[in-house]
Amino acid sequence: ETEMFGLYALSGRAVSFAGPLLLA
């Protein structure tokens, strides 16, 4: 579970730069 929620965070953050940078 923790590993998968870690991957859940990774997947979100792996592209998290896209939203703020696209907006900027």
PDBML (XML) file of the C-alpha atoms, coordinates in Angstrom:
<?xml version="1.0" encoding="UTF-8" ?>
<PDBx:datablock datablockName="MODEL"
   xmlns:PDBx="http://pdbml.pdb.org/schema/pdbx-v50.xsd"
   xmlns:xsi="http://www.w3.org/2001/XMLSchema-instance"
   xsi:schemaLocation="http://pdbml.pdb.org/schema/pdbx-v50.xsd pdbx-v50.xsd">
   <PDBx:atom_siteCategory>
      <PDBx:atom_site id="1">
         <PDBx:B_iso_or_equiv>0.00</PDBx:B_iso_or_equiv>
         <PDBx:Cartn_x>0.000</PDBx:Cartn_x>
         <PDBx:Cartn_y>0.000</PDBx:Cartn_y>
         <PDBx:Cartn_z>0.000</PDBx:Cartn_z>
         <PDBx:auth_asym_id>A</PDBx:auth_asym_id>
         <PDBx:auth_atom_id>CA</PDBx:auth_atom_id>
         <PDBx:auth_comp_id>GLU</PDBx:auth_comp_id>
         <PDBx:auth_seq_id>1</PDBx:auth_seq_id>
         <PDBx:group_PDB>ATOM</PDBx:group_PDB>
         <PDBx:label_alt_id xsi:nil="true" />
         <PDBx:label_asym_id>A</PDBx:label_asym_id>
         <PDBx:label_atom_id>CA</PDBx:label_atom_id>
         <PDBx:label_comp_id>GLU</PDBx:label_comp_id>
         <PDBx:label_entity_id>1</PDBx:label_entity_id>
         <PDBx:label_seq_id>1</PDBx:label_seq_id>
         <PDBx:occupancy>1.00</PDBx:occupancy>
         <PDBx:pdbx_PDB_model_num>1</PDBx:pdbx_PDB_model_num>
         <PDBx:type_symbol>C</PDBx:type_symbol>
      </PDBx:atom_site>
      <PDBx:atom_site id="2">
         <PDBx:B_iso_or_equiv>0.00</PDBx:B_iso_or_equiv>
         <PDBx:Cartn_x>2.657</PDBx:Cartn_x>
         <PDBx:Cartn_y>2.567</PDBx:Cartn_y>
         <PDBx:Cartn_z>0.953</PDBx:Cartn_z>
         <PDBx:auth_asym_id>A</PDBx:auth_asym_id>
         <PDBx:auth_atom_id>CA</PDBx:auth_atom_id>
         <PDBx:auth_comp_id>THR</PDBx:auth_comp_id>
         <PDBx:auth_seq_id>2</PDBx:auth_seq_id>
         <PDBx:group_PDB>ATOM</PDBx:group_PDB>
         <PDBx:label_alt_id xsi:nil="true" />
         <PDBx:label_asym_id>A</PDBx:label_asym_id>
         <PDBx:label_atom_id>CA</PDBx:label_atom_id>
         <PDBx:label_comp_id>THR</PDBx:label_comp_id>
         <PDBx:label_entity_id>1</PDBx:label_entity_id>
         <PDBx:label_seq_id>2</PDBx:label_seq_id>
         <PDBx:occupancy>1.00</PDBx:occupancy>
         <PDBx:pdbx_PDB_model_num>1</PDBx:pdbx_PDB_model_num>
         <PDBx:type_symbol>C</PDBx:type_symbol>
      </PDBx:atom_site>
      <PDBx:atom_site id="3">
         <PDBx:B_iso_or_equiv>0.00</PDBx:B_iso_or_equiv>
         <PDBx:Cartn_x>4.727</PDBx:Cartn_x>
         <PDBx:Cartn_y>1.810</PDBx:Cartn_y>
         <PDBx:Cartn_z>-2.127</PDBx:Cartn_z>
         <PDBx:auth_asym_id>A</PDBx:auth_asym_id>
         <PDBx:auth_atom_id>CA</PDBx:auth_atom_id>
         <PDBx:auth_comp_id>GLU</PDBx:auth_comp_id>
         <PDBx:auth_seq_id>3</PDBx:auth_seq_id>
         <PDBx:group_PDB>ATOM</PDBx:group_PDB>
         <PDBx:label_alt_id xsi:nil="true" />
         <PDBx:label_asym_id>A</PDBx:label_asym_id>
         <PDBx:label_atom_id>CA</PDBx:label_atom_id>
         <PDBx:label_comp_id>GLU</PDBx:label_comp_id>
         <PDBx:label_entity_id>1</PDBx:label_entity_id>
         <PDBx:label_seq_id>3</PDBx:label_seq_id>
         <PDBx:occupancy>1.00</PDBx:occupancy>
         <PDBx:pdbx_PDB_model_num>1</PDBx:pdbx_PDB_model_num>
         <PDBx:type_symbol>C</PDBx:type_symbol>
      </PDBx:atom_site>
      <PDBx:atom_site id="4">
         <PDBx:B_iso_or_equiv>0.00</PDBx:B_iso_or_equiv>
         <PDBx:Cartn_x>1.644</PDBx:Cartn_x>
         <PDBx:Cartn_y>2.188</PDBx:Cartn_y>
         <PDBx:Cartn_z>-4.313</PDBx:Cartn_z>
         <PDBx:auth_asym_id>A</PDBx:auth_asym_id>
         <PDBx:auth_atom_id>CA</PDBx:auth_atom_id>
         <PDBx:auth_comp_id>MET</PDBx:auth_comp_id>
         <PDBx:auth_seq_id>4</PDBx:auth_seq_id>
         <PDBx:group_PDB>ATOM</PDBx:group_PDB>
         <PDBx:label_alt_id xsi:nil="true" />
         <PDBx:label_asym_id>A</PDBx:label_asym_id>
         <PDBx:label_atom_id>CA</PDBx:label_atom_id>
         <PDBx:label_comp_id>MET</PDBx:label_comp_id>
         <PDBx:label_entity_id>1</PDBx:label_entity_id>
         <PDBx:label_seq_id>4</PDBx:label_seq_id>
         <PDBx:occupancy>1.00</PDBx:occupancy>
         <PDBx:pdbx_PDB_model_num>1</PDBx:pdbx_PDB_model_num>
         <PDBx:type_symbol>C</PDBx:type_symbol>
      </PDBx:atom_site>
      <PDBx:atom_site id="5">
         <PDBx:B_iso_or_equiv>0.00</PDBx:B_iso_or_equiv>
         <PDBx:Cartn_x>0.655</PDBx:Cartn_x>
         <PDBx:Cartn_y>5.447</PDBx:Cartn_y>
         <PDBx:Cartn_z>-2.649</PDBx:Cartn_z>
         <PDBx:auth_asym_id>A</PDBx:auth_asym_id>
         <PDBx:auth_atom_id>CA</PDBx:auth_atom_id>
         <PDBx:auth_comp_id>PHE</PDBx:auth_comp_id>
         <PDBx:auth_seq_id>5</PDBx:auth_seq_id>
         <PDBx:group_PDB>ATOM</PDBx:group_PDB>
         <PDBx:label_alt_id xsi:nil="true" />
         <PDBx:label_asym_id>A</PDBx:label_asym_id>
         <PDBx:label_atom_id>CA</PDBx:label_atom_id>
         <PDBx:label_comp_id>PHE</PDBx:label_comp_id>
         <PDBx:label_entity_id>1</PDBx:label_entity_id>
         <PDBx:label_seq_id>5</PDBx:label_seq_id>
         <PDBx:occupancy>1.00</PDBx:occupancy>
         <PDBx:pdbx_PDB_model_num>1</PDBx:pdbx_PDB_model_num>
         <PDBx:type_symbol>C</PDBx:type_symbol>
      </PDBx:atom_site>
      <PDBx:atom_site id="6">
         <PDBx:B_iso_or_equiv>0.00</PDBx:B_iso_or_equiv>
         <PDBx:Cartn_x>4.256</PDBx:Cartn_x>
         <PDBx:Cartn_y>6.509</PDBx:Cartn_y>
         <PDBx:Cartn_z>-3.177</PDBx:Cartn_z>
         <PDBx:auth_asym_id>A</PDBx:auth_asym_id>
         <PDBx:auth_atom_id>CA</PDBx:auth_atom_id>
         <PDBx:auth_comp_id>GLY</PDBx:auth_comp_id>
         <PDBx:auth_seq_id>6</PDBx:auth_seq_id>
         <PDBx:group_PDB>ATOM</PDBx:group_PDB>
         <PDBx:label_alt_id xsi:nil="true" />
         <PDBx:label_asym_id>A</PDBx:label_asym_id>
         <PDBx:label_atom_id>CA</PDBx:label_atom_id>
         <PDBx:label_comp_id>GLY</PDBx:label_comp_id>
         <PDBx:label_entity_id>1</PDBx:label_entity_id>
         <PDBx:label_seq_id>6</PDBx:label_seq_id>
         <PDBx:occupancy>1.00</PDBx:occupancy>
         <PDBx:pdbx_PDB_model_num>1</PDBx:pdbx_PDB_model_num>
         <PDBx:type_symbol>C</PDBx:type_symbol>
      </PDBx:atom_site>
      <PDBx:atom_site id="7">
         <PDBx:B_iso_or_equiv>0.00</PDBx:B_iso_or_equiv>
         <PDBx:Cartn_x>3.838</PDBx:Cartn_x>
         <PDBx:Cartn_y>5.748</PDBx:Cartn_y>
         <PDBx:Cartn_z>-6.871</PDBx:Cartn_z>
         <PDBx:auth_asym_id>A</PDBx:auth_asym_id>
         <PDBx:auth_atom_id>CA</PDBx:auth_atom_id>
         <PDBx:auth_comp_id>LEU</PDBx:auth_comp_id>
         <PDBx:auth_seq_id>7</PDBx:auth_seq_id>
         <PDBx:group_PDB>ATOM</PDBx:group_PDB>
         <PDBx:label_alt_id xsi:nil="true" />
         <PDBx:label_asym_id>A</PDBx:label_asym_id>
         <PDBx:label_atom_id>CA</PDBx:label_atom_id>
         <PDBx:label_comp_id>LEU</PDBx:label_comp_id>
         <PDBx:label_entity_id>1</PDBx:label_entity_id>
         <PDBx:label_seq_id>7</PDBx:label_seq_id>
         <PDBx:occupancy>1.00</PDBx:occupancy>
         <PDBx:pdbx_PDB_model_num>1</PDBx:pdbx_PDB_model_num>
         <PDBx:type_symbol>C</PDBx:type_symbol>
      </PDBx:atom_site>
      <PDBx:atom_site id="8">
         <PDBx:B_iso_or_equiv>0.00</PDBx:B_iso_or_equiv>
         <PDBx:Cartn_x>0.519</PDBx:Cartn_x>
         <PDBx:Cartn_y>7.603</PDBx:Cartn_y>
         <PDBx:Cartn_z>-6.696</PDBx:Cartn_z>
         <PDBx:auth_asym_id>A</PDBx:auth_asym_id>
         <PDBx:auth_atom_id>CA</PDBx:auth_atom_id>
         <PDBx:auth_comp_id>TYR</PDBx:auth_comp_id>
         <PDBx:auth_seq_id>8</PDBx:auth_seq_id>
         <PDBx:group_PDB>ATOM</PDBx:group_PDB>
         <PDBx:label_alt_id xsi:nil="true" />
         <PDBx:label_asym_id>A</PDBx:label_asym_id>
         <PDBx:label_atom_id>CA</PDBx:label_atom_id>
         <PDBx:label_comp_id>TYR</PDBx:label_comp_id>
         <PDBx:label_entity_id>1</PDBx:label_entity_id>
         <PDBx:label_seq_id>8</PDBx:label_seq_id>
         <PDBx:occupancy>1.00</PDBx:occupancy>
         <PDBx:pdbx_PDB_model_num>1</PDBx:pdbx_PDB_model_num>
         <PDBx:type_symbol>C</PDBx:type_symbol>
      </PDBx:atom_site>
      <PDBx:atom_site id="9">
         <PDBx:B_iso_or_equiv>0.00</PDBx:B_iso_or_equiv>
         <PDBx:Cartn_x>2.415</PDBx:Cartn_x>
         <PDBx:Cartn_y>10.631</PDBx:Cartn_y>
         <PDBx:Cartn_z>-5.422</PDBx:Cartn_z>
         <PDBx:auth_asym_id>A</PDBx:auth_asym_id>
         <PDBx:auth_atom_id>CA</PDBx:auth_atom_id>
         <PDBx:auth_comp_id>ALA</PDBx:auth_comp_id>
         <PDBx:auth_seq_id>9</PDBx:auth_seq_id>
         <PDBx:group_PDB>ATOM</PDBx:group_PDB>
         <PDBx:label_alt_id xsi:nil="true" />
         <PDBx:label_asym_id>A</PDBx:label_asym_id>
         <PDBx:label_atom_id>CA</PDBx:label_atom_id>
         <PDBx:label_comp_id>ALA</PDBx:label_comp_id>
         <PDBx:label_entity_id>1</PDBx:label_entity_id>
         <PDBx:label_seq_id>9</PDBx:label_seq_id>
         <PDBx:occupancy>1.00</PDBx:occupancy>
         <PDBx:pdbx_PDB_model_num>1</PDBx:pdbx_PDB_model_num>
         <PDBx:type_symbol>C</PDBx:type_symbol>
      </PDBx:atom_site>
      <PDBx:atom_site id="10">
         <PDBx:B_iso_or_equiv>0.00</PDBx:B_iso_or_equiv>
         <PDBx:Cartn_x>5.170</PDBx:Cartn_x>
         <PDBx:Cartn_y>10.078</PDBx:Cartn_y>
         <PDBx:Cartn_z>-7.991</PDBx:Cartn_z>
         <PDBx:auth_asym_id>A</PDBx:auth_asym_id>
         <PDBx:auth_atom_id>CA</PDBx:auth_atom_id>
         <PDBx:auth_comp_id>LEU</PDBx:auth_comp_id>
         <PDBx:auth_seq_id>10</PDBx:auth_seq_id>
         <PDBx:group_PDB>ATOM</PDBx:group_PDB>
         <PDBx:label_alt_id xsi:nil="true" />
         <PDBx:label_asym_id>A</PDBx:label_asym_id>
         <PDBx:label_atom_id>CA</PDBx:label_atom_id>
         <PDBx:label_comp_id>LEU</PDBx:label_comp_id>
         <PDBx:label_entity_id>1</PDBx:label_entity_id>
         <PDBx:label_seq_id>10</PDBx:label_seq_id>
         <PDBx:occupancy>1.00</PDBx:occupancy>
         <PDBx:pdbx_PDB_model_num>1</PDBx:pdbx_PDB_model_num>
         <PDBx:type_symbol>C</PDBx:type_symbol>
      </PDBx:atom_site>
      <PDBx:atom_site id="11">
         <PDBx:B_iso_or_equiv>0.00</PDBx:B_iso_or_equiv>
         <PDBx:Cartn_x>2.734</PDBx:Cartn_x>
         <PDBx:Cartn_y>9.906</PDBx:Cartn_y>
         <PDBx:Cartn_z>-10.887</PDBx:Cartn_z>
         <PDBx:auth_asym_id>A</PDBx:auth_asym_id>
         <PDBx:auth_atom_id>CA</PDBx:auth_atom_id>
         <PDBx:auth_comp_id>SER</PDBx:auth_comp_id>
         <PDBx:auth_seq_id>11</PDBx:auth_seq_id>
         <PDBx:group_PDB>ATOM</PDBx:group_PDB>
         <PDBx:label_alt_id xsi:nil="true" />
         <PDBx:label_asym_id>A</PDBx:label_asym_id>
         <PDBx:label_atom_id>CA</PDBx:label_atom_id>
         <PDBx:label_comp_id>SER</PDBx:label_comp_id>
         <PDBx:label_entity_id>1</PDBx:label_entity_id>
         <PDBx:label_seq_id>11</PDBx:label_seq_id>
         <PDBx:occupancy>1.00</PDBx:occupancy>
         <PDBx:pdbx_PDB_model_num>1</PDBx:pdbx_PDB_model_num>
         <PDBx:type_symbol>C</PDBx:type_symbol>
      </PDBx:atom_site>
      <PDBx:atom_site id="12">
         <PDBx:B_iso_or_equiv>0.00</PDBx:B_iso_or_equiv>
         <PDBx:Cartn_x>1.068</PDBx:Cartn_x>
         <PDBx:Cartn_y>13.094</PDBx:Cartn_y>
         <PDBx:Cartn_z>-9.738</PDBx:Cartn_z>
         <PDBx:auth_asym_id>A</PDBx:auth_asym_id>
         <PDBx:auth_atom_id>CA</PDBx:auth_atom_id>
         <PDBx:auth_comp_id>GLY</PDBx:auth_comp_id>
         <PDBx:auth_seq_id>12</PDBx:auth_seq_id>
         <PDBx:group_PDB>ATOM</PDBx:group_PDB>
         <PDBx:label_alt_id xsi:nil="true" />
         <PDBx:label_asym_id>A</PDBx:label_asym_id>
         <PDBx:label_atom_id>CA</PDBx:label_atom_id>
         <PDBx:label_comp_id>GLY</PDBx:label_comp_id>
         <PDBx:label_entity_id>1</PDBx:label_entity_id>
         <PDBx:label_seq_id>12</PDBx:label_seq_id>
         <PDBx:occupancy>1.00</PDBx:occupancy>
         <PDBx:pdbx_PDB_model_num>1</PDBx:pdbx_PDB_model_num>
         <PDBx:type_symbol>C</PDBx:type_symbol>
      </PDBx:atom_site>
      <PDBx:atom_site id="13">
         <PDBx:B_iso_or_equiv>0.00</PDBx:B_iso_or_equiv>
         <PDBx:Cartn_x>4.322</PDBx:Cartn_x>
         <PDBx:Cartn_y>14.888</PDBx:Cartn_y>
         <PDBx:Cartn_z>-9.142</PDBx:Cartn_z>
         <PDBx:auth_asym_id>A</PDBx:auth_asym_id>
         <PDBx:auth_atom_id>CA</PDBx:auth_atom_id>
         <PDBx:auth_comp_id>ARG</PDBx:auth_comp_id>
         <PDBx:auth_seq_id>13</PDBx:auth_seq_id>
         <PDBx:group_PDB>ATOM</PDBx:group_PDB>
         <PDBx:label_alt_id xsi:nil="true" />
         <PDBx:label_asym_id>A</PDBx:label_asym_id>
         <PDBx:label_atom_id>CA</PDBx:label_atom_id>
         <PDBx:label_comp_id>ARG</PDBx:label_comp_id>
         <PDBx:label_entity_id>1</PDBx:label_entity_id>
         <PDBx:label_seq_id>13</PDBx:label_seq_id>
         <PDBx:occupancy>1.00</PDBx:occupancy>
         <PDBx:pdbx_PDB_model_num>1</PDBx:pdbx_PDB_model_num>
         <PDBx:type_symbol>C</PDBx:type_symbol>
      </PDBx:atom_site>
      <PDBx:atom_site id="14">
         <PDBx:B_iso_or_equiv>0.00</PDBx:B_iso_or_equiv>
         <PDBx:Cartn_x>6.051</PDBx:Cartn_x>
         <PDBx:Cartn_y>13.495</PDBx:Cartn_y>
         <PDBx:Cartn_z>-12.209</PDBx:Cartn_z>
         <PDBx:auth_asym_id>A</PDBx:auth_asym_id>
         <PDBx:auth_atom_id>CA</PDBx:auth_atom_id>
         <PDBx:auth_comp_id>ALA</PDBx:auth_comp_id>
         <PDBx:auth_seq_id>14</PDBx:auth_seq_id>
         <PDBx:group_PDB>ATOM</PDBx:group_PDB>
         <PDBx:label_alt_id xsi:nil="true" />
         <PDBx:label_asym_id>A</PDBx:label_asym_id>
         <PDBx:label_atom_id>CA</PDBx:label_atom_id>
         <PDBx:label_comp_id>ALA</PDBx:label_comp_id>
         <PDBx:label_entity_id>1</PDBx:label_entity_id>
         <PDBx:label_seq_id>14</PDBx:label_seq_id>
         <PDBx:occupancy>1.00</PDBx:occupancy>
         <PDBx:pdbx_PDB_model_num>1</PDBx:pdbx_PDB_model_num>
         <PDBx:type_symbol>C</PDBx:type_symbol>
      </PDBx:atom_site>
      <PDBx:atom_site id="15">
         <PDBx:B_iso_or_equiv>0.00</PDBx:B_iso_or_equiv>
         <PDBx:Cartn_x>3.777</PDBx:Cartn_x>
         <PDBx:Cartn_y>15.712</PDBx:Cartn_y>
         <PDBx:Cartn_z>-14.254</PDBx:Cartn_z>
         <PDBx:auth_asym_id>A</PDBx:auth_asym_id>
         <PDBx:auth_atom_id>CA</PDBx:auth_atom_id>
         <PDBx:auth_comp_id>VAL</PDBx:auth_comp_id>
         <PDBx:auth_seq_id>15</PDBx:auth_seq_id>
         <PDBx:group_PDB>ATOM</PDBx:group_PDB>
         <PDBx:label_alt_id xsi:nil="true" />
         <PDBx:label_asym_id>A</PDBx:label_asym_id>
         <PDBx:label_atom_id>CA</PDBx:label_atom_id>
         <PDBx:label_comp_id>VAL</PDBx:label_comp_id>
         <PDBx:label_entity_id>1</PDBx:label_entity_id>
         <PDBx:label_seq_id>15</PDBx:label_seq_id>
         <PDBx:occupancy>1.00</PDBx:occupancy>
         <PDBx:pdbx_PDB_model_num>1</PDBx:pdbx_PDB_model_num>
         <PDBx:type_symbol>C</PDBx:type_symbol>
      </PDBx:atom_site>
      <PDBx:atom_site id="16">
         <PDBx:B_iso_or_equiv>0.00</PDBx:B_iso_or_equiv>
         <PDBx:Cartn_x>3.118</PDBx:Cartn_x>
         <PDBx:Cartn_y>18.303</PDBx:Cartn_y>
         <PDBx:Cartn_z>-11.534</PDBx:Cartn_z>
         <PDBx:auth_asym_id>A</PDBx:auth_asym_id>
         <PDBx:auth_atom_id>CA</PDBx:auth_atom_id>
         <PDBx:auth_comp_id>SER</PDBx:auth_comp_id>
         <PDBx:auth_seq_id>16</PDBx:auth_seq_id>
         <PDBx:group_PDB>ATOM</PDBx:group_PDB>
         <PDBx:label_alt_id xsi:nil="true" />
         <PDBx:label_asym_id>A</PDBx:label_asym_id>
         <PDBx:label_atom_id>CA</PDBx:label_atom_id>
         <PDBx:label_comp_id>SER</PDBx:label_comp_id>
         <PDBx:label_entity_id>1</PDBx:label_entity_id>
         <PDBx:label_seq_id>16</PDBx:label_seq_id>
         <PDBx:occupancy>1.00</PDBx:occupancy>
         <PDBx:pdbx_PDB_model_num>1</PDBx:pdbx_PDB_model_num>
         <PDBx:type_symbol>C</PDBx:type_symbol>
      </PDBx:atom_site>
      <PDBx:atom_site id="17">
         <PDBx:B_iso_or_equiv>0.00</PDBx:B_iso_or_equiv>
         <PDBx:Cartn_x>5.597</PDBx:Cartn_x>
         <PDBx:Cartn_y>20.672</PDBx:Cartn_y>
         <PDBx:Cartn_z>-13.089</PDBx:Cartn_z>
         <PDBx:auth_asym_id>A</PDBx:auth_asym_id>
         <PDBx:auth_atom_id>CA</PDBx:auth_atom_id>
         <PDBx:auth_comp_id>PHE</PDBx:auth_comp_id>
         <PDBx:auth_seq_id>17</PDBx:auth_seq_id>
         <PDBx:group_PDB>ATOM</PDBx:group_PDB>
         <PDBx:label_alt_id xsi:nil="true" />
         <PDBx:label_asym_id>A</PDBx:label_asym_id>
         <PDBx:label_atom_id>CA</PDBx:label_atom_id>
         <PDBx:label_comp_id>PHE</PDBx:label_comp_id>
         <PDBx:label_entity_id>1</PDBx:label_entity_id>
         <PDBx:label_seq_id>17</PDBx:label_seq_id>
         <PDBx:occupancy>1.00</PDBx:occupancy>
         <PDBx:pdbx_PDB_model_num>1</PDBx:pdbx_PDB_model_num>
         <PDBx:type_symbol>C</PDBx:type_symbol>
      </PDBx:atom_site>
      <PDBx:atom_site id="18">
         <PDBx:B_iso_or_equiv>0.00</PDBx:B_iso_or_equiv>
         <PDBx:Cartn_x>3.444</PDBx:Cartn_x>
         <PDBx:Cartn_y>20.679</PDBx:Cartn_y>
         <PDBx:Cartn_z>-16.237</PDBx:Cartn_z>
         <PDBx:auth_asym_id>A</PDBx:auth_asym_id>
         <PDBx:auth_atom_id>CA</PDBx:auth_atom_id>
         <PDBx:auth_comp_id>ALA</PDBx:auth_comp_id>
         <PDBx:auth_seq_id>18</PDBx:auth_seq_id>
         <PDBx:group_PDB>ATOM</PDBx:group_PDB>
         <PDBx:label_alt_id xsi:nil="true" />
         <PDBx:label_asym_id>A</PDBx:label_asym_id>
         <PDBx:label_atom_id>CA</PDBx:label_atom_id>
         <PDBx:label_comp_id>ALA</PDBx:label_comp_id>
         <PDBx:label_entity_id>1</PDBx:label_entity_id>
         <PDBx:label_seq_id>18</PDBx:label_seq_id>
         <PDBx:occupancy>1.00</PDBx:occupancy>
         <PDBx:pdbx_PDB_model_num>1</PDBx:pdbx_PDB_model_num>
         <PDBx:type_symbol>C</PDBx:type_symbol>
      </PDBx:atom_site>
      <PDBx:atom_site id="19">
         <PDBx:B_iso_or_equiv>0.00</PDBx:B_iso_or_equiv>
         <PDBx:Cartn_x>0.434</PDBx:Cartn_x>
         <PDBx:Cartn_y>22.464</PDBx:Cartn_y>
         <PDBx:Cartn_z>-14.760</PDBx:Cartn_z>
         <PDBx:auth_asym_id>A</PDBx:auth_asym_id>
         <PDBx:auth_atom_id>CA</PDBx:auth_atom_id>
         <PDBx:auth_comp_id>GLY</PDBx:auth_comp_id>
         <PDBx:auth_seq_id>19</PDBx:auth_seq_id>
         <PDBx:group_PDB>ATOM</PDBx:group_PDB>
         <PDBx:label_alt_id xsi:nil="true" />
         <PDBx:label_asym_id>A</PDBx:label_asym_id>
         <PDBx:label_atom_id>CA</PDBx:label_atom_id>
         <PDBx:label_comp_id>GLY</PDBx:label_comp_id>
         <PDBx:label_entity_id>1</PDBx:label_entity_id>
         <PDBx:label_seq_id>19</PDBx:label_seq_id>
         <PDBx:occupancy>1.00</PDBx:occupancy>
         <PDBx:pdbx_PDB_model_num>1</PDBx:pdbx_PDB_model_num>
         <PDBx:type_symbol>C</PDBx:type_symbol>
      </PDBx:atom_site>
      <PDBx:atom_site id="20">
         <PDBx:B_iso_or_equiv>0.00</PDBx:B_iso_or_equiv>
         <PDBx:Cartn_x>2.285</PDBx:Cartn_x>
         <PDBx:Cartn_y>25.319</PDBx:Cartn_y>
         <PDBx:Cartn_z>-13.018</PDBx:Cartn_z>
         <PDBx:auth_asym_id>A</PDBx:auth_asym_id>
         <PDBx:auth_atom_id>CA</PDBx:auth_atom_id>
         <PDBx:auth_comp_id>PRO</PDBx:auth_comp_id>
         <PDBx:auth_seq_id>20</PDBx:auth_seq_id>
         <PDBx:group_PDB>ATOM</PDBx:group_PDB>
         <PDBx:label_alt_id xsi:nil="true" />
         <PDBx:label_asym_id>A</PDBx:label_asym_id>
         <PDBx:label_atom_id>CA</PDBx:label_atom_id>
         <PDBx:label_comp_id>PRO</PDBx:label_comp_id>
         <PDBx:label_entity_id>1</PDBx:label_entity_id>
         <PDBx:label_seq_id>20</PDBx:label_seq_id>
         <PDBx:occupancy>1.00</PDBx:occupancy>
         <PDBx:pdbx_PDB_model_num>1</PDBx:pdbx_PDB_model_num>
         <PDBx:type_symbol>C</PDBx:type_symbol>
      </PDBx:atom_site>
      <PDBx:atom_site id="21">
         <PDBx:B_iso_or_equiv>0.00</PDBx:B_iso_or_equiv>
         <PDBx:Cartn_x>4.761</PDBx:Cartn_x>
         <PDBx:Cartn_y>25.736</PDBx:Cartn_y>
         <PDBx:Cartn_z>-15.883</PDBx:Cartn_z>
         <PDBx:auth_asym_id>A</PDBx:auth_asym_id>
         <PDBx:auth_atom_id>CA</PDBx:auth_atom_id>
         <PDBx:auth_comp_id>LEU</PDBx:auth_comp_id>
         <PDBx:auth_seq_id>21</PDBx:auth_seq_id>
         <PDBx:group_PDB>ATOM</PDBx:group_PDB>
         <PDBx:label_alt_id xsi:nil="true" />
         <PDBx:label_asym_id>A</PDBx:label_asym_id>
         <PDBx:label_atom_id>CA</PDBx:label_atom_id>
         <PDBx:label_comp_id>LEU</PDBx:label_comp_id>
         <PDBx:label_entity_id>1</PDBx:label_entity_id>
         <PDBx:label_seq_id>21</PDBx:label_seq_id>
         <PDBx:occupancy>1.00</PDBx:occupancy>
         <PDBx:pdbx_PDB_model_num>1</PDBx:pdbx_PDB_model_num>
         <PDBx:type_symbol>C</PDBx:type_symbol>
      </PDBx:atom_site>
      <PDBx:atom_site id="22">
         <PDBx:B_iso_or_equiv>0.00</PDBx:B_iso_or_equiv>
         <PDBx:Cartn_x>2.017</PDBx:Cartn_x>
         <PDBx:Cartn_y>25.668</PDBx:Cartn_y>
         <PDBx:Cartn_z>-18.522</PDBx:Cartn_z>
         <PDBx:auth_asym_id>A</PDBx:auth_asym_id>
         <PDBx:auth_atom_id>CA</PDBx:auth_atom_id>
         <PDBx:auth_comp_id>LEU</PDBx:auth_comp_id>
         <PDBx:auth_seq_id>22</PDBx:auth_seq_id>
         <PDBx:group_PDB>ATOM</PDBx:group_PDB>
         <PDBx:label_alt_id xsi:nil="true" />
         <PDBx:label_asym_id>A</PDBx:label_asym_id>
         <PDBx:label_atom_id>CA</PDBx:label_atom_id>
         <PDBx:label_comp_id>LEU</PDBx:label_comp_id>
         <PDBx:label_entity_id>1</PDBx:label_entity_id>
         <PDBx:label_seq_id>22</PDBx:label_seq_id>
         <PDBx:occupancy>1.00</PDBx:occupancy>
         <PDBx:pdbx_PDB_model_num>1</PDBx:pdbx_PDB_model_num>
         <PDBx:type_symbol>C</PDBx:type_symbol>
      </PDBx:atom_site>
      <PDBx:atom_site id="23">
         <PDBx:B_iso_or_equiv>0.00</PDBx:B_iso_or_equiv>
         <PDBx:Cartn_x>0.091</PDBx:Cartn_x>
         <PDBx:Cartn_y>28.222</PDBx:Cartn_y>
         <PDBx:Cartn_z>-16.497</PDBx:Cartn_z>
         <PDBx:auth_asym_id>A</PDBx:auth_asym_id>
         <PDBx:auth_atom_id>CA</PDBx:auth_atom_id>
         <PDBx:auth_comp_id>LEU</PDBx:auth_comp_id>
         <PDBx:auth_seq_id>23</PDBx:auth_seq_id>
         <PDBx:group_PDB>ATOM</PDBx:group_PDB>
         <PDBx:label_alt_id xsi:nil="true" />
         <PDBx:label_asym_id>A</PDBx:label_asym_id>
         <PDBx:label_atom_id>CA</PDBx:label_atom_id>
         <PDBx:label_comp_id>LEU</PDBx:label_comp_id>
         <PDBx:label_entity_id>1</PDBx:label_entity_id>
         <PDBx:label_seq_id>23</PDBx:label_seq_id>
         <PDBx:occupancy>1.00</PDBx:occupancy>
         <PDBx:pdbx_PDB_model_num>1</PDBx:pdbx_PDB_model_num>
         <PDBx:type_symbol>C</PDBx:type_symbol>
      </PDBx:atom_site>
      <PDBx:atom_site id="24">
         <PDBx:B_iso_or_equiv>0.00</PDBx:B_iso_or_equiv>
         <PDBx:Cartn_x>3.193</PDBx:Cartn_x>
         <PDBx:Cartn_y>30.382</PDBx:Cartn_y>
         <PDBx:Cartn_z>-16.025</PDBx:Cartn_z>
         <PDBx:auth_asym_id>A</PDBx:auth_asym_id>
         <PDBx:auth_atom_id>CA</PDBx:auth_atom_id>
         <PDBx:auth_comp_id>ALA</PDBx:auth_comp_id>
         <PDBx:auth_seq_id>24</PDBx:auth_seq_id>
         <PDBx:group_PDB>ATOM</PDBx:group_PDB>
         <PDBx:label_alt_id xsi:nil="true" />
         <PDBx:label_asym_id>A</PDBx:label_asym_id>
         <PDBx:label_atom_id>CA</PDBx:label_atom_id>
         <PDBx:label_comp_id>ALA</PDBx:label_comp_id>
         <PDBx:label_entity_id>1</PDBx:label_entity_id>
         <PDBx:label_seq_id>24</PDBx:label_seq_id>
         <PDBx:occupancy>1.00</PDBx:occupancy>
         <PDBx:pdbx_PDB_model_num>1</PDBx:pdbx_PDB_model_num>
         <PDBx:type_symbol>C</PDBx:type_symbol>
      </PDBx:atom_site>
   </PDBx:atom_siteCategory>
</PDBx:datablock>
